[in-house]
Protein backbone atom coordinates (compact mmCIF):
# COMPACT_ATOMS: atom_id res chain seq x y z
CA MET A 1 -9.19 13.69 -18.69
CA THR A 2 -12.34 14.22 -16.59
CA ASN A 3 -12.16 12.67 -12.88
CA SER A 4 -14.22 9.91 -13.83
CA VAL A 5 -12.12 8.71 -16.47
CA LEU A 6 -8.96 8.73 -14.76
CA LEU A 7 -10.34 6.83 -11.83
CA GLN A 8 -11.35 4.42 -14.63
CA TYR A 9 -7.75 4.06 -15.82
CA SER A 10 -6.50 3.77 -12.64
CA ALA A 11 -8.28 0.66 -11.46
CA LYS A 12 -8.19 -0.60 -14.99
CA LEU A 13 -4.25 -0.61 -14.32
CA ALA A 14 -4.28 -1.66 -10.88
CA LEU A 15 -6.77 -4.19 -11.44
CA ARG A 16 -3.77 -5.95 -13.63
CA SER A 17 -3.18 -7.27 -10.31
CA SER A 18 -5.01 -9.66 -7.87
CA PHE A 19 -5.10 -8.46 -4.20
CA ASN A 20 -6.56 -8.43 -0.78
CA TYR A 21 -6.32 -5.23 1.30
CA HIS A 22 -7.61 -3.73 4.25
CA PHE A 23 -7.26 -1.10 6.90
CA THR A 24 -5.64 -0.81 10.27
CA SER A 25 -3.49 1.39 12.46
CA ARG A 26 -0.66 1.20 15.10
CA GLY A 27 1.24 3.36 16.99
CA GLY A 28 -1.65 6.12 16.05
CA ARG A 29 -0.89 5.76 12.37
CA ASP A 30 -2.98 4.10 9.69
CA ILE A 31 -1.69 1.50 7.57
CA LEU A 32 -2.85 -0.31 4.19
CA VAL A 33 -2.30 -3.50 4.11
CA ILE A 34 -2.05 -4.94 0.54
CA VAL A 35 -1.55 -9.12 0.32
CA ASP A 36 -0.35 -10.23 -3.23
CA ASN A 37 -2.60 -13.21 -4.42
CA ASN A 38 0.13 -14.33 -6.75
CA GLN A 39 -2.00 -13.99 -10.22
CA GLY A 40 -1.55 -11.09 -12.79
CA LEU A 41 0.81 -8.17 -12.58
CA SER A 42 3.11 -8.63 -9.23
CA VAL A 43 1.92 -6.53 -6.18
CA THR A 44 5.83 -5.25 -6.19
CA ASN A 45 5.14 -4.26 -10.02
CA ASN A 46 2.26 -2.32 -9.63
CA ILE A 47 2.25 -0.88 -6.23
CA GLU A 48 1.94 2.55 -7.72
CA ASN A 49 -1.02 2.03 -9.36
CA ILE A 50 -2.94 0.03 -6.76
CA ILE A 51 -1.94 2.11 -4.11
CA GLN A 52 -3.66 5.50 -6.17
CA TYR A 53 -6.62 3.44 -7.33
CA LEU A 54 -6.83 2.54 -3.45
CA ILE A 55 -6.76 6.07 -2.35
CA GLU A 56 -8.98 7.19 -4.26
CA ARG A 57 -11.87 4.88 -3.82
CA THR A 58 -11.31 5.52 0.09
CA GLU A 59 -10.15 9.16 0.02
CA SER A 60 -13.21 10.44 1.71
CA THR A 61 -13.11 7.89 4.87
CA ILE A 62 -9.19 7.77 5.12
CA PRO A 63 -6.41 10.54 5.64
CA ILE A 64 -4.20 10.21 3.27
CA ASN A 65 -2.04 12.64 4.75
CA ASN A 66 -1.20 9.92 7.64
CA LEU A 67 -1.49 6.96 5.72
CA LEU A 68 1.40 4.03 5.67
CA THR A 69 1.64 0.86 3.02
CA ILE A 70 2.92 -2.31 3.29
CA TYR A 71 2.50 -5.47 1.42
CA LYS A 72 2.94 -9.03 0.93
CA ASP A 73 4.85 -9.86 -1.73
CA THR A 74 4.92 -13.02 -4.47
CA GLU A 75 7.61 -14.44 -1.75
CA SER A 76 5.65 -13.96 1.05
CA THR A 77 7.82 -11.13 2.68
CA TYR A 78 6.35 -8.10 4.03
CA ASP A 79 7.77 -4.82 2.53
CA GLY A 80 6.30 -0.88 2.88
CA PHE A 81 6.06 1.96 -0.09
CA ASP A 82 6.68 5.35 0.54
CA PHE A 83 3.71 6.86 -1.36
CA GLU A 84 5.02 10.75 -0.79
CA THR A 85 8.42 9.70 -2.30
CA MET A 86 7.12 7.08 -4.83
CA SER A 87 10.26 4.17 -2.85
CA PHE A 88 10.30 0.91 -1.28
CA ILE A 89 10.79 0.71 2.26
CA SER A 90 12.60 -3.10 2.81
CA LEU A 91 11.02 -4.63 6.05
CA GLN A 92 11.97 -7.85 5.29
CA GLU A 93 8.74 -9.32 7.51
CA ILE A 94 7.42 -12.86 7.70
CA SER A 95 4.17 -11.64 9.94
CA GLU A 96 2.06 -9.17 9.41
CA GLU A 97 2.54 -7.97 13.09
CA ASP A 98 6.15 -7.66 12.70
CA ALA A 99 5.31 -5.49 9.63
CA LEU A 100 3.29 -3.39 10.59
CA GLU A 101 5.67 -2.94 13.94
CA SER A 102 8.56 -2.26 11.82
CA ILE A 103 6.37 0.32 9.70
CA VAL A 104 5.51 2.08 12.49
CA ILE A 105 9.33 2.42 13.61
CA TRP A 106 10.37 3.85 9.96
CA ALA A 107 8.02 6.22 9.52
CA GLN A 108 9.05 7.72 13.47
CA SER A 109 12.50 7.19 12.53
CA ASN A 110 12.23 8.74 8.82
CA LYS A 111 9.27 11.62 9.39
CA ASN A 112 8.91 14.74 11.06
């Protein structure tokens, strides 16, 4: 498949979920924040496709090797996702600010 076909496929899978997103930074790290709009496939169940889609869309402006990800799920709880290992990070935070702080602490203790 060509890159444009892969991007279209990635977009189609990601857009099965309804979400908002923005980028912010804390502790010298860029953080992708995704909020589930509770429509369609949940962000939790579609996180890999959503992150891949957003990375592809913003690759020229975001340093991917330094990117952390948090998301607000359908139960209004923030958790994290490690795109490098494709694993969920249990943060269980209620506020975005607390989740941002927790993901930075997690990154400092789990990444060299």
